[in-house]
N, C-alpha and C. Protein backbone atom coordinates (compact mmCIF):
# COMPACT_ATOMS: atom_id res chain seq x y z
N UNK A 1 -83.18 57.05 -150.10
CA UNK A 1 -83.57 55.65 -149.96
C UNK A 1 -82.33 54.76 -149.90
N UNK A 2 -81.36 55.04 -150.78
CA UNK A 2 -80.14 54.25 -150.79
C UNK A 2 -79.40 54.38 -149.48
N UNK A 3 -79.34 55.60 -148.93
CA UNK A 3 -78.64 55.82 -147.68
C UNK A 3 -79.31 55.04 -146.56
N UNK A 4 -80.65 55.02 -146.57
CA UNK A 4 -81.38 54.28 -145.54
C UNK A 4 -81.11 52.79 -145.67
N UNK A 5 -81.14 52.27 -146.92
CA UNK A 5 -80.91 50.86 -147.13
C UNK A 5 -79.49 50.46 -146.74
N UNK A 6 -78.53 51.38 -146.93
CA UNK A 6 -77.14 51.05 -146.67
C UNK A 6 -76.87 50.81 -145.20
N UNK A 7 -77.82 51.17 -144.33
CA UNK A 7 -77.63 50.98 -142.90
C UNK A 7 -78.25 49.68 -142.39
N UNK A 8 -78.64 48.79 -143.28
CA UNK A 8 -79.16 47.50 -142.86
C UNK A 8 -78.11 46.76 -142.03
N UNK A 9 -78.60 46.02 -141.06
CA UNK A 9 -77.71 45.17 -140.28
C UNK A 9 -77.29 43.97 -141.12
N UNK A 10 -76.04 43.56 -140.97
CA UNK A 10 -75.56 42.34 -141.60
C UNK A 10 -75.42 41.27 -140.52
N UNK A 11 -76.00 40.10 -140.78
CA UNK A 11 -75.87 38.96 -139.88
C UNK A 11 -74.86 38.00 -140.49
N UNK A 12 -73.78 37.75 -139.79
CA UNK A 12 -72.75 36.83 -140.27
C UNK A 12 -73.07 35.43 -139.76
N UNK A 13 -73.39 34.53 -140.70
CA UNK A 13 -73.74 33.15 -140.34
C UNK A 13 -72.48 32.31 -140.27
N UNK A 14 -71.58 32.70 -139.39
CA UNK A 14 -70.29 32.02 -139.27
C UNK A 14 -69.68 32.34 -137.92
N UNK A 15 -69.02 31.34 -137.33
CA UNK A 15 -68.33 31.56 -136.06
C UNK A 15 -66.84 31.85 -136.28
N UNK A 16 -66.42 31.97 -137.53
CA UNK A 16 -65.00 32.15 -137.85
C UNK A 16 -64.47 33.47 -137.30
N UNK A 17 -63.45 33.43 -136.44
CA UNK A 17 -62.85 34.66 -135.93
C UNK A 17 -62.17 35.47 -137.03
N UNK A 18 -61.69 34.80 -138.09
CA UNK A 18 -61.03 35.52 -139.17
C UNK A 18 -62.04 36.34 -139.98
N UNK A 19 -63.22 35.78 -140.20
CA UNK A 19 -64.25 36.54 -140.92
C UNK A 19 -64.72 37.73 -140.09
N UNK A 20 -64.87 37.53 -138.80
CA UNK A 20 -65.24 38.66 -137.93
C UNK A 20 -64.17 39.75 -137.98
N UNK A 21 -62.92 39.33 -137.98
CA UNK A 21 -61.81 40.30 -138.01
C UNK A 21 -61.84 41.12 -139.29
N UNK A 22 -62.11 40.46 -140.42
CA UNK A 22 -62.14 41.17 -141.71
C UNK A 22 -63.28 42.17 -141.74
N UNK A 23 -64.48 41.79 -141.29
CA UNK A 23 -65.61 42.70 -141.29
C UNK A 23 -65.37 43.89 -140.36
N UNK A 24 -64.67 43.65 -139.25
CA UNK A 24 -64.33 44.76 -138.36
C UNK A 24 -63.32 45.70 -139.01
N UNK A 25 -62.39 45.14 -139.78
CA UNK A 25 -61.39 45.96 -140.46
C UNK A 25 -62.03 46.93 -141.44
N UNK A 26 -63.09 46.48 -142.12
CA UNK A 26 -63.76 47.35 -143.09
C UNK A 26 -64.94 48.10 -142.46
N UNK A 27 -65.06 47.97 -141.12
CA UNK A 27 -66.02 48.75 -140.33
C UNK A 27 -67.47 48.54 -140.75
N UNK A 28 -67.83 47.28 -141.00
CA UNK A 28 -69.22 46.98 -141.30
C UNK A 28 -69.99 46.75 -140.01
N UNK A 29 -71.25 47.15 -140.01
CA UNK A 29 -72.14 46.94 -138.88
C UNK A 29 -72.70 45.52 -138.98
N UNK A 30 -72.23 44.61 -138.12
CA UNK A 30 -72.65 43.23 -138.23
C UNK A 30 -72.74 42.57 -136.86
N UNK A 31 -73.46 41.46 -136.82
CA UNK A 31 -73.51 40.60 -135.65
C UNK A 31 -73.42 39.16 -136.11
N UNK A 32 -73.03 38.28 -135.20
CA UNK A 32 -72.83 36.87 -135.54
C UNK A 32 -73.99 36.03 -135.01
N UNK A 33 -74.58 35.22 -135.90
CA UNK A 33 -75.56 34.22 -135.49
C UNK A 33 -75.17 32.92 -136.18
N UNK A 34 -74.60 32.00 -135.43
CA UNK A 34 -74.15 30.72 -136.00
C UNK A 34 -74.97 29.60 -135.39
N UNK A 35 -75.70 28.87 -136.23
CA UNK A 35 -76.52 27.76 -135.77
C UNK A 35 -75.78 26.44 -135.92
N UNK A 36 -76.00 25.52 -135.01
CA UNK A 36 -75.36 24.21 -135.08
C UNK A 36 -76.08 23.33 -136.09
N UNK A 37 -75.35 22.31 -136.57
CA UNK A 37 -75.96 21.34 -137.48
C UNK A 37 -76.45 21.94 -138.78
N UNK A 38 -75.58 22.67 -139.46
CA UNK A 38 -75.99 23.38 -140.67
C UNK A 38 -76.20 22.45 -141.86
N UNK A 39 -75.73 21.21 -141.79
CA UNK A 39 -75.94 20.27 -142.89
C UNK A 39 -75.00 20.47 -144.05
N UNK A 40 -73.76 20.85 -143.79
CA UNK A 40 -72.79 21.03 -144.87
C UNK A 40 -72.49 19.69 -145.54
N UNK A 41 -72.21 19.74 -146.85
CA UNK A 41 -71.94 18.52 -147.61
C UNK A 41 -70.63 18.66 -148.39
N UNK A 42 -70.10 17.51 -148.76
CA UNK A 42 -68.87 17.47 -149.55
C UNK A 42 -69.20 17.05 -150.98
N UNK A 43 -68.65 17.76 -151.96
CA UNK A 43 -68.83 17.45 -153.37
C UNK A 43 -67.47 17.31 -154.03
N UNK A 44 -67.41 16.65 -155.18
CA UNK A 44 -66.15 16.55 -155.91
C UNK A 44 -65.74 17.89 -156.49
N UNK A 45 -66.72 18.67 -156.94
CA UNK A 45 -66.43 19.99 -157.51
C UNK A 45 -66.36 21.01 -156.38
N UNK A 46 -65.21 21.67 -156.19
CA UNK A 46 -65.07 22.60 -155.06
C UNK A 46 -66.00 23.81 -155.15
N UNK A 47 -66.30 24.26 -156.37
CA UNK A 47 -67.18 25.42 -156.52
C UNK A 47 -68.61 25.05 -156.14
N UNK A 48 -69.05 23.87 -156.56
CA UNK A 48 -70.37 23.38 -156.16
C UNK A 48 -70.44 23.26 -154.64
N UNK A 49 -69.37 22.77 -154.05
CA UNK A 49 -69.33 22.54 -152.61
C UNK A 49 -69.45 23.84 -151.82
N UNK A 50 -68.64 24.84 -152.16
CA UNK A 50 -68.64 26.07 -151.37
C UNK A 50 -69.94 26.86 -151.55
N UNK A 51 -70.51 26.81 -152.76
CA UNK A 51 -71.79 27.49 -152.97
C UNK A 51 -72.89 26.81 -152.17
N UNK A 52 -72.95 25.49 -152.27
CA UNK A 52 -73.97 24.74 -151.52
C UNK A 52 -73.87 25.02 -150.02
N UNK A 53 -72.67 24.93 -149.49
CA UNK A 53 -72.51 25.09 -148.04
C UNK A 53 -72.74 26.53 -147.57
N UNK A 54 -72.39 27.50 -148.41
CA UNK A 54 -72.67 28.88 -148.03
C UNK A 54 -74.17 29.15 -148.03
N UNK A 55 -74.90 28.54 -148.99
CA UNK A 55 -76.36 28.68 -149.02
C UNK A 55 -76.97 28.06 -147.77
N UNK A 56 -76.51 26.85 -147.43
CA UNK A 56 -77.05 26.15 -146.26
C UNK A 56 -76.87 26.98 -144.99
N UNK A 57 -75.69 27.55 -144.81
CA UNK A 57 -75.41 28.34 -143.61
C UNK A 57 -76.31 29.56 -143.53
N UNK A 58 -76.42 30.30 -144.65
CA UNK A 58 -77.24 31.51 -144.66
C UNK A 58 -78.73 31.17 -144.55
N UNK A 59 -79.16 30.12 -145.26
CA UNK A 59 -80.58 29.75 -145.23
C UNK A 59 -81.02 29.29 -143.84
N UNK A 60 -80.15 28.57 -143.13
CA UNK A 60 -80.51 28.11 -141.80
C UNK A 60 -80.80 29.28 -140.86
N UNK A 61 -79.98 30.32 -140.95
CA UNK A 61 -80.21 31.50 -140.11
C UNK A 61 -81.47 32.24 -140.57
N UNK A 62 -81.65 32.33 -141.89
CA UNK A 62 -82.86 32.95 -142.44
C UNK A 62 -84.11 32.22 -141.94
N UNK A 63 -84.10 30.88 -142.02
CA UNK A 63 -85.25 30.09 -141.58
C UNK A 63 -85.47 30.23 -140.07
N UNK A 64 -84.40 30.36 -139.34
CA UNK A 64 -84.50 30.54 -137.88
C UNK A 64 -85.29 31.81 -137.54
N UNK A 65 -84.96 32.90 -138.23
CA UNK A 65 -85.67 34.15 -137.96
C UNK A 65 -87.11 34.11 -138.48
N UNK A 66 -87.32 33.44 -139.62
CA UNK A 66 -88.68 33.32 -140.14
C UNK A 66 -89.57 32.52 -139.19
N UNK A 67 -89.01 31.49 -138.60
CA UNK A 67 -89.78 30.69 -137.64
C UNK A 67 -90.10 31.51 -136.40
N UNK A 68 -89.13 32.27 -135.92
CA UNK A 68 -89.37 33.14 -134.77
C UNK A 68 -90.48 34.15 -135.08
N UNK A 69 -90.43 34.70 -136.30
CA UNK A 69 -91.41 35.70 -136.70
C UNK A 69 -92.81 35.10 -136.81
N UNK A 70 -92.90 33.89 -137.36
CA UNK A 70 -94.21 33.24 -137.52
C UNK A 70 -94.85 32.92 -136.18
N UNK A 71 -94.03 32.72 -135.18
CA UNK A 71 -94.54 32.41 -133.84
C UNK A 71 -94.66 33.67 -132.97
N UNK A 72 -94.44 34.85 -133.62
CA UNK A 72 -94.52 36.13 -132.92
C UNK A 72 -93.55 36.21 -131.74
N UNK A 73 -92.41 35.52 -131.90
CA UNK A 73 -91.40 35.55 -130.84
C UNK A 73 -90.46 36.74 -131.06
N UNK A 74 -90.17 37.45 -130.01
CA UNK A 74 -89.35 38.66 -130.10
C UNK A 74 -87.87 38.28 -130.23
N UNK A 75 -87.18 38.93 -131.17
CA UNK A 75 -85.73 38.78 -131.30
C UNK A 75 -85.10 40.17 -131.25
N UNK A 76 -83.78 40.19 -131.31
CA UNK A 76 -83.07 41.48 -131.29
C UNK A 76 -83.01 42.11 -132.68
N UNK A 77 -83.63 41.48 -133.68
CA UNK A 77 -83.51 41.95 -135.05
C UNK A 77 -84.89 42.31 -135.60
N UNK A 78 -85.01 43.55 -136.03
CA UNK A 78 -86.26 44.02 -136.62
C UNK A 78 -85.96 44.66 -137.98
N UNK A 79 -87.02 44.81 -138.76
CA UNK A 79 -86.84 45.43 -140.07
C UNK A 79 -86.13 44.48 -141.03
N UNK A 80 -85.56 45.06 -142.07
CA UNK A 80 -84.87 44.27 -143.08
C UNK A 80 -83.38 44.19 -142.77
N UNK A 81 -82.82 43.00 -142.84
CA UNK A 81 -81.39 42.83 -142.65
C UNK A 81 -80.88 41.77 -143.61
N UNK A 82 -79.57 41.69 -143.75
CA UNK A 82 -78.94 40.77 -144.69
C UNK A 82 -78.18 39.68 -143.93
N UNK A 83 -78.33 38.45 -144.39
CA UNK A 83 -77.67 37.31 -143.76
C UNK A 83 -76.62 36.79 -144.73
N UNK A 84 -75.36 36.73 -144.29
CA UNK A 84 -74.26 36.32 -145.16
C UNK A 84 -73.65 35.01 -144.69
N UNK A 85 -73.63 34.02 -145.58
CA UNK A 85 -73.00 32.74 -145.31
C UNK A 85 -71.77 32.56 -146.20
N UNK A 86 -70.74 31.93 -145.65
CA UNK A 86 -69.49 31.72 -146.40
C UNK A 86 -69.00 30.28 -146.21
N UNK A 87 -68.28 29.80 -147.19
CA UNK A 87 -67.59 28.50 -147.05
C UNK A 87 -66.31 28.58 -147.85
N UNK A 88 -65.22 28.04 -147.30
CA UNK A 88 -63.91 28.14 -147.95
C UNK A 88 -63.20 26.80 -147.93
N UNK A 89 -62.58 26.44 -149.05
CA UNK A 89 -61.78 25.21 -149.13
C UNK A 89 -60.47 25.51 -149.83
N UNK A 90 -59.52 24.61 -149.64
CA UNK A 90 -58.26 24.63 -150.37
C UNK A 90 -58.30 23.50 -151.39
N UNK A 91 -57.87 23.79 -152.62
CA UNK A 91 -58.00 22.83 -153.72
C UNK A 91 -56.65 22.63 -154.40
N UNK A 92 -56.21 21.35 -154.44
CA UNK A 92 -54.94 21.03 -155.09
C UNK A 92 -55.00 19.59 -155.58
N UNK A 93 -54.47 19.34 -156.77
CA UNK A 93 -54.45 17.99 -157.35
C UNK A 93 -55.83 17.36 -157.41
N UNK A 94 -56.84 18.16 -157.72
CA UNK A 94 -58.23 17.70 -157.79
C UNK A 94 -58.72 17.15 -156.45
N UNK A 95 -58.09 17.61 -155.38
CA UNK A 95 -58.47 17.18 -154.04
C UNK A 95 -58.85 18.40 -153.21
N UNK A 96 -59.91 18.27 -152.43
CA UNK A 96 -60.38 19.35 -151.58
C UNK A 96 -59.84 19.15 -150.17
N UNK A 97 -59.11 20.15 -149.69
CA UNK A 97 -58.60 20.12 -148.32
C UNK A 97 -59.47 21.02 -147.45
N UNK A 98 -60.24 20.41 -146.59
CA UNK A 98 -61.06 21.18 -145.67
C UNK A 98 -60.33 21.39 -144.36
N UNK A 99 -61.04 21.30 -143.26
CA UNK A 99 -60.42 21.44 -141.94
C UNK A 99 -59.84 20.09 -141.53
N UNK A 100 -58.58 20.06 -141.10
CA UNK A 100 -57.96 18.78 -140.73
C UNK A 100 -58.61 18.20 -139.47
N UNK A 101 -58.68 16.87 -139.43
CA UNK A 101 -59.29 16.20 -138.28
C UNK A 101 -58.36 16.18 -137.07
N UNK A 102 -57.05 16.17 -137.33
CA UNK A 102 -56.08 16.11 -136.24
C UNK A 102 -54.73 16.63 -136.74
N UNK A 103 -53.75 16.63 -135.85
CA UNK A 103 -52.43 17.17 -136.20
C UNK A 103 -51.78 16.36 -137.33
N UNK A 104 -51.94 15.05 -137.30
CA UNK A 104 -51.34 14.22 -138.34
C UNK A 104 -51.86 14.60 -139.72
N UNK A 105 -53.17 14.80 -139.82
CA UNK A 105 -53.74 15.20 -141.11
C UNK A 105 -53.29 16.61 -141.48
N UNK A 106 -53.16 17.49 -140.50
CA UNK A 106 -52.67 18.85 -140.76
C UNK A 106 -51.26 18.81 -141.33
N UNK A 107 -50.41 17.94 -140.77
CA UNK A 107 -49.05 17.77 -141.29
C UNK A 107 -49.09 17.30 -142.74
N UNK A 108 -49.99 16.37 -143.02
CA UNK A 108 -50.13 15.88 -144.39
C UNK A 108 -50.56 16.96 -145.35
N UNK A 109 -51.51 17.80 -144.93
CA UNK A 109 -51.96 18.92 -145.77
C UNK A 109 -50.79 19.84 -146.10
N UNK A 110 -50.04 20.22 -145.08
CA UNK A 110 -48.95 21.18 -145.28
C UNK A 110 -47.82 20.59 -146.13
N UNK A 111 -47.57 19.30 -145.98
CA UNK A 111 -46.59 18.63 -146.84
C UNK A 111 -47.05 18.65 -148.30
N UNK A 112 -48.35 18.46 -148.51
CA UNK A 112 -48.92 18.49 -149.86
C UNK A 112 -48.78 19.87 -150.48
N UNK A 113 -48.99 20.91 -149.68
CA UNK A 113 -48.95 22.28 -150.18
C UNK A 113 -47.53 22.82 -150.34
N UNK A 114 -46.57 22.22 -149.65
CA UNK A 114 -45.19 22.71 -149.62
C UNK A 114 -44.59 22.90 -151.01
N UNK A 115 -44.13 24.12 -151.29
CA UNK A 115 -43.45 24.44 -152.54
C UNK A 115 -44.33 24.47 -153.78
N UNK A 116 -45.65 24.44 -153.57
CA UNK A 116 -46.56 24.31 -154.71
C UNK A 116 -47.65 25.38 -154.69
N UNK A 117 -48.35 25.46 -155.83
CA UNK A 117 -49.46 26.40 -155.98
C UNK A 117 -50.76 25.66 -155.72
N UNK A 118 -51.64 26.27 -154.94
CA UNK A 118 -52.97 25.73 -154.72
C UNK A 118 -54.00 26.85 -154.87
N UNK A 119 -55.26 26.49 -154.89
CA UNK A 119 -56.33 27.47 -154.95
C UNK A 119 -57.09 27.52 -153.63
N UNK A 120 -57.42 28.72 -153.22
CA UNK A 120 -58.35 28.90 -152.11
C UNK A 120 -59.66 29.38 -152.73
N UNK A 121 -60.73 28.61 -152.53
CA UNK A 121 -62.01 28.89 -153.16
C UNK A 121 -63.06 29.14 -152.09
N UNK A 122 -63.73 30.27 -152.19
CA UNK A 122 -64.78 30.63 -151.23
C UNK A 122 -66.12 30.77 -151.92
N UNK A 123 -67.16 30.35 -151.23
CA UNK A 123 -68.53 30.58 -151.68
C UNK A 123 -69.18 31.61 -150.77
N UNK A 124 -70.03 32.45 -151.34
CA UNK A 124 -70.74 33.49 -150.61
C UNK A 124 -72.23 33.38 -150.92
N UNK A 125 -73.06 33.48 -149.91
CA UNK A 125 -74.50 33.56 -150.13
C UNK A 125 -75.08 34.63 -149.23
N UNK A 126 -75.89 35.52 -149.80
CA UNK A 126 -76.54 36.60 -149.04
C UNK A 126 -78.05 36.46 -149.18
N UNK A 127 -78.73 36.40 -148.04
CA UNK A 127 -80.19 36.37 -147.98
C UNK A 127 -80.70 37.71 -147.48
N UNK A 128 -81.79 38.20 -148.06
CA UNK A 128 -82.48 39.39 -147.56
C UNK A 128 -83.64 38.92 -146.69
N UNK A 129 -83.69 39.39 -145.44
CA UNK A 129 -84.61 38.83 -144.45
C UNK A 129 -86.08 39.03 -144.80
N UNK A 130 -86.46 40.19 -145.31
CA UNK A 130 -87.88 40.45 -145.52
C UNK A 130 -88.41 39.86 -146.83
N UNK A 131 -87.59 39.85 -147.88
CA UNK A 131 -88.06 39.37 -149.18
C UNK A 131 -87.76 37.90 -149.44
N UNK A 132 -86.74 37.36 -148.75
CA UNK A 132 -86.30 36.00 -149.03
C UNK A 132 -85.43 35.89 -150.26
N UNK A 133 -85.18 37.01 -150.91
CA UNK A 133 -84.29 37.02 -152.08
C UNK A 133 -82.88 36.66 -151.64
N UNK A 134 -82.18 35.88 -152.49
CA UNK A 134 -80.80 35.56 -152.17
C UNK A 134 -79.96 35.50 -153.42
N UNK A 135 -78.67 35.66 -153.24
CA UNK A 135 -77.74 35.61 -154.35
C UNK A 135 -76.45 34.94 -153.89
N UNK A 136 -75.79 34.25 -154.80
CA UNK A 136 -74.58 33.51 -154.46
C UNK A 136 -73.45 33.86 -155.41
N UNK A 137 -72.23 33.65 -154.97
CA UNK A 137 -71.06 33.88 -155.81
C UNK A 137 -69.87 33.13 -155.28
N UNK A 138 -68.79 33.13 -156.05
CA UNK A 138 -67.55 32.47 -155.64
C UNK A 138 -66.36 33.37 -155.91
N UNK A 139 -65.28 33.10 -155.23
CA UNK A 139 -64.00 33.78 -155.47
C UNK A 139 -62.89 32.75 -155.36
N UNK A 140 -61.90 32.86 -156.25
CA UNK A 140 -60.78 31.93 -156.25
C UNK A 140 -59.45 32.69 -156.24
N UNK A 141 -58.54 32.27 -155.40
CA UNK A 141 -57.23 32.91 -155.29
C UNK A 141 -56.14 31.85 -155.36
N UNK A 142 -55.09 32.12 -156.12
CA UNK A 142 -53.95 31.20 -156.19
C UNK A 142 -52.92 31.57 -155.12
N UNK A 143 -52.45 30.56 -154.42
CA UNK A 143 -51.45 30.76 -153.37
C UNK A 143 -50.29 29.80 -153.61
N UNK A 144 -49.08 30.33 -153.55
CA UNK A 144 -47.90 29.47 -153.65
C UNK A 144 -47.20 29.43 -152.30
N UNK A 145 -46.97 28.23 -151.80
CA UNK A 145 -46.21 28.04 -150.56
C UNK A 145 -44.72 27.97 -150.88
N UNK A 146 -43.91 28.43 -149.96
CA UNK A 146 -42.48 28.19 -150.09
C UNK A 146 -42.21 26.72 -149.71
N UNK A 147 -41.05 26.24 -150.03
CA UNK A 147 -40.69 24.86 -149.70
C UNK A 147 -40.52 24.75 -148.19
N UNK A 148 -41.27 23.84 -147.58
CA UNK A 148 -41.26 23.72 -146.12
C UNK A 148 -40.48 22.49 -145.68
N UNK A 149 -39.74 22.66 -144.60
CA UNK A 149 -39.06 21.52 -143.99
C UNK A 149 -39.97 20.92 -142.92
N UNK A 150 -39.58 19.76 -142.43
CA UNK A 150 -40.34 19.12 -141.35
C UNK A 150 -40.35 20.02 -140.12
N UNK A 151 -39.24 20.71 -139.87
CA UNK A 151 -39.16 21.62 -138.73
C UNK A 151 -40.08 22.82 -138.92
N UNK A 152 -40.17 23.32 -140.16
CA UNK A 152 -41.09 24.43 -140.45
C UNK A 152 -42.52 24.03 -140.10
N UNK A 153 -42.91 22.86 -140.57
CA UNK A 153 -44.28 22.39 -140.36
C UNK A 153 -44.55 22.12 -138.89
N UNK A 154 -43.62 21.43 -138.24
CA UNK A 154 -43.79 21.14 -136.82
C UNK A 154 -43.84 22.40 -135.98
N UNK A 155 -42.93 23.34 -136.27
CA UNK A 155 -42.91 24.60 -135.52
C UNK A 155 -44.18 25.40 -135.71
N UNK A 156 -44.69 25.40 -136.94
CA UNK A 156 -45.94 26.12 -137.21
C UNK A 156 -47.11 25.51 -136.44
N UNK A 157 -47.22 24.20 -136.47
CA UNK A 157 -48.33 23.53 -135.80
C UNK A 157 -48.23 23.64 -134.28
N UNK A 158 -47.01 23.82 -133.77
CA UNK A 158 -46.85 24.05 -132.33
C UNK A 158 -47.37 25.42 -131.92
N UNK A 159 -47.32 26.36 -132.85
CA UNK A 159 -47.67 27.75 -132.54
C UNK A 159 -49.13 28.10 -132.80
N UNK A 160 -49.75 27.40 -133.71
CA UNK A 160 -51.09 27.82 -134.12
C UNK A 160 -52.06 26.64 -134.19
N UNK A 161 -53.28 26.85 -133.68
CA UNK A 161 -54.33 25.85 -133.77
C UNK A 161 -54.93 25.92 -135.17
N UNK A 162 -54.81 24.83 -135.92
CA UNK A 162 -55.24 24.86 -137.33
C UNK A 162 -56.44 23.93 -137.59
N UNK A 163 -56.98 23.31 -136.56
CA UNK A 163 -58.03 22.33 -136.78
C UNK A 163 -59.34 22.94 -137.24
N UNK A 164 -59.45 24.27 -137.17
CA UNK A 164 -60.66 24.94 -137.66
C UNK A 164 -60.38 25.73 -138.93
N UNK A 165 -59.28 25.39 -139.62
CA UNK A 165 -58.85 26.17 -140.78
C UNK A 165 -58.71 25.27 -142.01
N UNK A 166 -59.35 25.65 -143.09
CA UNK A 166 -59.24 24.90 -144.34
C UNK A 166 -57.78 24.87 -144.80
N UNK A 167 -57.29 23.69 -145.14
CA UNK A 167 -55.91 23.56 -145.60
C UNK A 167 -54.89 23.59 -144.49
N UNK A 168 -55.34 23.75 -143.24
CA UNK A 168 -54.48 23.72 -142.05
C UNK A 168 -53.54 24.92 -141.94
N UNK A 169 -53.97 26.09 -142.44
CA UNK A 169 -53.15 27.28 -142.20
C UNK A 169 -54.01 28.53 -142.16
N UNK A 170 -53.47 29.55 -141.51
CA UNK A 170 -54.15 30.83 -141.35
C UNK A 170 -53.23 31.93 -141.87
N UNK A 171 -53.59 32.54 -142.97
CA UNK A 171 -52.74 33.55 -143.59
C UNK A 171 -52.66 34.81 -142.74
N UNK A 172 -53.60 34.99 -141.80
CA UNK A 172 -53.55 36.14 -140.91
C UNK A 172 -52.57 35.95 -139.76
N UNK A 173 -52.18 34.71 -139.50
CA UNK A 173 -51.32 34.43 -138.37
C UNK A 173 -49.94 34.01 -138.81
N UNK A 174 -49.38 33.02 -138.10
CA UNK A 174 -48.06 32.51 -138.46
C UNK A 174 -48.06 31.89 -139.85
N UNK A 175 -49.24 31.54 -140.32
CA UNK A 175 -49.35 30.95 -141.65
C UNK A 175 -48.84 31.86 -142.76
N UNK A 176 -48.78 33.15 -142.49
CA UNK A 176 -48.25 34.07 -143.49
C UNK A 176 -46.79 33.76 -143.80
N UNK A 177 -46.08 33.13 -142.86
CA UNK A 177 -44.68 32.78 -143.07
C UNK A 177 -44.50 31.59 -144.00
N UNK A 178 -45.60 30.88 -144.25
CA UNK A 178 -45.54 29.73 -145.14
C UNK A 178 -45.70 30.12 -146.61
N UNK A 179 -46.25 31.31 -146.83
CA UNK A 179 -46.66 31.73 -148.17
C UNK A 179 -45.54 32.49 -148.89
N UNK A 180 -45.33 32.12 -150.16
CA UNK A 180 -44.35 32.81 -150.99
C UNK A 180 -45.01 33.87 -151.86
N UNK A 181 -46.20 33.55 -152.40
CA UNK A 181 -46.85 34.48 -153.33
C UNK A 181 -48.36 34.24 -153.32
N UNK A 182 -49.11 35.35 -153.49
CA UNK A 182 -50.56 35.27 -153.62
C UNK A 182 -50.98 35.97 -154.89
N UNK A 183 -51.78 35.31 -155.69
CA UNK A 183 -52.29 35.89 -156.93
C UNK A 183 -53.81 35.98 -156.84
N UNK A 184 -54.31 37.18 -156.52
CA UNK A 184 -55.74 37.37 -156.35
C UNK A 184 -56.05 38.05 -155.03
N UNK A 185 -57.27 37.85 -154.55
CA UNK A 185 -57.74 38.52 -153.34
C UNK A 185 -57.09 37.92 -152.09
N UNK A 186 -56.32 38.74 -151.38
CA UNK A 186 -55.67 38.29 -150.14
C UNK A 186 -56.71 37.87 -149.11
N UNK A 187 -57.77 38.67 -148.96
CA UNK A 187 -58.75 38.38 -147.92
C UNK A 187 -59.52 37.08 -148.18
N UNK A 188 -59.60 36.69 -149.44
CA UNK A 188 -60.24 35.42 -149.75
C UNK A 188 -59.49 34.26 -149.10
N UNK A 189 -58.17 34.38 -149.01
CA UNK A 189 -57.36 33.32 -148.41
C UNK A 189 -57.69 33.18 -146.92
N UNK A 190 -58.17 34.26 -146.33
CA UNK A 190 -58.59 34.23 -144.92
C UNK A 190 -60.05 33.83 -144.77
N UNK A 191 -60.76 33.65 -145.90
CA UNK A 191 -62.12 33.14 -145.83
C UNK A 191 -63.23 34.11 -146.14
N UNK A 192 -62.89 35.37 -146.45
CA UNK A 192 -63.95 36.34 -146.78
C UNK A 192 -63.45 37.29 -147.86
N UNK A 193 -63.76 37.00 -149.13
CA UNK A 193 -63.30 37.86 -150.23
C UNK A 193 -64.02 39.20 -150.22
N UNK A 194 -63.35 40.23 -149.76
CA UNK A 194 -63.97 41.52 -149.49
C UNK A 194 -64.56 42.16 -150.74
N UNK A 195 -63.78 42.25 -151.82
CA UNK A 195 -64.27 42.94 -153.02
C UNK A 195 -65.51 42.26 -153.58
N UNK A 196 -65.50 40.94 -153.63
CA UNK A 196 -66.66 40.20 -154.14
C UNK A 196 -67.87 40.39 -153.22
N UNK A 197 -67.64 40.35 -151.93
CA UNK A 197 -68.72 40.53 -150.96
C UNK A 197 -69.34 41.91 -151.07
N UNK A 198 -68.51 42.93 -151.18
CA UNK A 198 -68.99 44.31 -151.32
C UNK A 198 -69.82 44.46 -152.59
N UNK A 199 -69.35 43.86 -153.68
CA UNK A 199 -70.08 43.92 -154.95
C UNK A 199 -71.45 43.26 -154.82
N UNK A 200 -71.53 42.15 -154.11
CA UNK A 200 -72.80 41.46 -153.93
C UNK A 200 -73.74 42.24 -153.00
N UNK A 201 -73.18 42.90 -152.00
CA UNK A 201 -74.01 43.71 -151.10
C UNK A 201 -74.70 44.83 -151.87
N UNK A 202 -74.02 45.39 -152.86
CA UNK A 202 -74.60 46.48 -153.65
C UNK A 202 -75.85 46.04 -154.38
N UNK A 203 -75.92 44.76 -154.73
CA UNK A 203 -77.09 44.24 -155.42
C UNK A 203 -78.34 44.26 -154.53
N UNK A 204 -78.10 44.38 -153.21
CA UNK A 204 -79.21 44.48 -152.26
C UNK A 204 -79.39 45.93 -151.77
N UNK A 205 -78.78 46.88 -152.48
CA UNK A 205 -78.90 48.27 -152.10
C UNK A 205 -78.07 48.67 -150.91
N UNK A 206 -77.08 47.86 -150.57
CA UNK A 206 -76.21 48.14 -149.42
C UNK A 206 -74.91 48.74 -149.93
N UNK A 207 -74.69 50.03 -149.65
CA UNK A 207 -73.49 50.72 -150.09
C UNK A 207 -72.53 50.81 -148.92
N UNK A 208 -71.41 50.11 -149.02
CA UNK A 208 -70.47 50.03 -147.91
C UNK A 208 -69.76 51.37 -147.66
N UNK A 209 -69.45 52.09 -148.73
CA UNK A 209 -68.65 53.30 -148.59
C UNK A 209 -69.43 54.45 -148.00
N UNK A 210 -70.65 54.71 -148.49
CA UNK A 210 -71.40 55.89 -148.03
C UNK A 210 -72.27 55.58 -146.85
């Protein structure tokens, strides 16, 4: 029974190329379904924010399939599957740094992070398609940036598009050159904390290893 359950399809409720890359690295069987207008909100507490937004993302996809099913509309997904939603922010000085609106704001984010320690906080929510059961969790990682010059920041922003990245950097790309030290889950800094996600999948009878 466990072996059968472990082969459930995972639906990733995110368009993030970094999250897709991580799931491919660990060889999970998944597909992407990202709906527009997910209704994400901003809160003062970063943990409240990432949990809320991860729930919204996963629930929207769950509701989409439930509506299709109630109308007897055929989709590519049958049986029981798991829907995973994620949200990630950068937190420093009691301020939440999400995705920068433009290059000027991205420069400001990187100047704020320069030479200092910040937290990368991710929320995870997993919905089970047939039962409607869901569970949520968070992961936090400390990251220290090296001291950056104006040329460092300008050169980085010339090389990488950061407008879709919390805190205006990508640790999988050139952003790795900005980082001096990471304390905690490396993959969380990229937006998908693998160990935490795997632990939560087990609660739904999904065994990643076997």
